[in-house]
Structure formats: C-alpha cells, structure tokens
C-alpha cells in the first residue's frame, strides 16, 4: 500500500519534501536493480563481450550512493525561515 498524504501536497512542507525525496530514492533503487539485473542476466546467459556493463553498474551505483547520502544525511528538511 503506497503512503497516503492527509493534506494537500506542498513542496514547502518539510514532511512532504522528506517523504517525496525518499520515494524518489526508492524509485531510483528499483530502477537500478531492475536495469542492472537485466543487463547482467543477458551478459551472463549469452556471453557477449560487453565491457561496458561493469562501468555502467559502477557509475550508476556511485550516483545511487551519492543520492542516498544526500537524502539521508545532508538534506535539511527544517521549515524555511521567513524573513
């Protein structure tokens, strides 16, 4: 069951931003898993000379880790100060 939001979505709401960023990260993880498992399945099953698969997986994994570090450690979800 997907998460439900009890009020109108607003990117200025810190709770909504946190939830939205984490759902985006979960989508990123799902795409990484599906894409890489498919590429590696065909590489291992058919033995093609695909040297790029390791580079693609490593690069995408680095971007995924950076995305995760930003979402879970760096992002500031406090309410913006009104000046």
Protein backbone atom coordinates (compact mmCIF):
# COMPACT_ATOMS: atom_id res chain seq x y z
CA UNK A 1 0.00 0.00 0.00
CA UNK A 2 1.56 3.32 -1.00
CA UNK A 3 1.88 6.04 1.62
CA UNK A 4 -1.05 8.41 1.88
CA UNK A 5 -0.79 12.11 2.46
CA UNK A 6 -3.57 13.56 4.63
CA UNK A 7 -3.33 17.13 3.38
CA UNK A 8 -2.78 18.82 0.01
CA UNK A 9 0.78 18.15 -1.20
CA UNK A 10 3.05 21.17 -0.94
CA UNK A 11 6.82 21.14 -1.61
CA UNK A 12 7.18 23.85 1.06
CA UNK A 13 6.02 21.36 3.70
CA UNK A 14 9.17 19.72 5.17
CA UNK A 15 7.39 16.44 5.95
CA UNK A 16 6.11 16.17 2.39
CA UNK A 17 9.56 17.01 0.95
CA UNK A 18 11.15 14.28 3.09
CA UNK A 19 8.55 11.70 2.00
CA UNK A 20 8.77 12.75 -1.64
CA UNK A 21 12.58 12.58 -1.66
CA UNK A 22 12.58 9.14 -0.06
CA UNK A 23 10.00 7.81 -2.52
CA UNK A 24 12.12 9.20 -5.37
CA UNK A 25 15.15 7.42 -3.91
CA UNK A 26 13.18 4.17 -3.65
CA UNK A 27 12.25 4.53 -7.34
CA UNK A 28 15.92 5.11 -8.15
CA UNK A 29 16.88 1.92 -6.26
CA UNK A 30 14.16 -0.07 -8.07
CA UNK A 31 15.31 1.15 -11.50
CA UNK A 32 18.93 0.38 -10.63
CA UNK A 33 18.01 -3.12 -9.50
CA UNK A 34 15.80 -3.90 -12.49
CA UNK A 35 18.11 -2.40 -15.09
CA UNK A 36 21.31 -3.93 -13.80
CA UNK A 37 19.84 -7.36 -13.16
CA UNK A 38 18.55 -7.44 -16.74
CA UNK A 39 21.86 -6.34 -18.25
CA UNK A 40 23.88 -8.77 -16.18
CA UNK A 41 21.44 -11.63 -16.84
CA UNK A 42 21.87 -11.26 -20.59
CA UNK A 43 25.61 -10.77 -20.25
CA UNK A 44 26.00 -13.98 -18.24
CA UNK A 45 23.44 -16.03 -20.21
CA UNK A 46 24.65 -15.19 -23.71
CA UNK A 47 28.34 -14.44 -23.00
CA UNK A 48 28.51 -11.28 -25.15
CA UNK A 49 31.62 -9.14 -24.97
CA UNK A 50 30.03 -6.29 -23.06
CA UNK A 51 32.87 -4.50 -21.31
CA UNK A 52 30.65 -1.53 -20.58
CA UNK A 53 28.41 -3.36 -18.10
CA UNK A 54 30.88 -3.08 -15.22
CA UNK A 55 31.39 0.62 -15.89
CA UNK A 56 27.64 1.23 -16.13
CA UNK A 57 26.93 -0.64 -12.90
CA UNK A 58 29.76 1.06 -11.01
CA UNK A 59 28.85 4.54 -12.23
CA UNK A 60 25.16 4.09 -11.54
CA UNK A 61 25.93 2.65 -8.11
CA UNK A 62 28.13 5.68 -7.30
CA UNK A 63 25.28 8.02 -8.29
CA UNK A 64 22.84 5.93 -6.22
CA UNK A 65 25.10 6.08 -3.15
CA UNK A 66 25.54 9.85 -3.56
CA UNK A 67 21.76 10.22 -3.87
CA UNK A 68 21.27 8.16 -0.70
CA UNK A 69 23.88 10.14 1.24
CA UNK A 70 22.21 13.38 0.22
CA UNK A 71 18.70 12.19 1.12
CA UNK A 72 19.55 10.55 4.44
CA UNK A 73 22.47 12.65 5.73
CA UNK A 74 22.75 16.05 4.05
CA UNK A 75 19.25 17.24 3.11
CA UNK A 76 17.80 19.81 5.51
CA UNK A 77 14.06 19.36 5.92
CA UNK A 78 13.55 22.04 8.54
CA UNK A 79 10.98 24.69 7.91
CA UNK A 80 12.36 27.58 5.88
CA UNK A 81 12.74 30.75 7.94
CA UNK A 82 10.53 33.61 6.81
CA UNK A 83 12.40 36.88 6.75
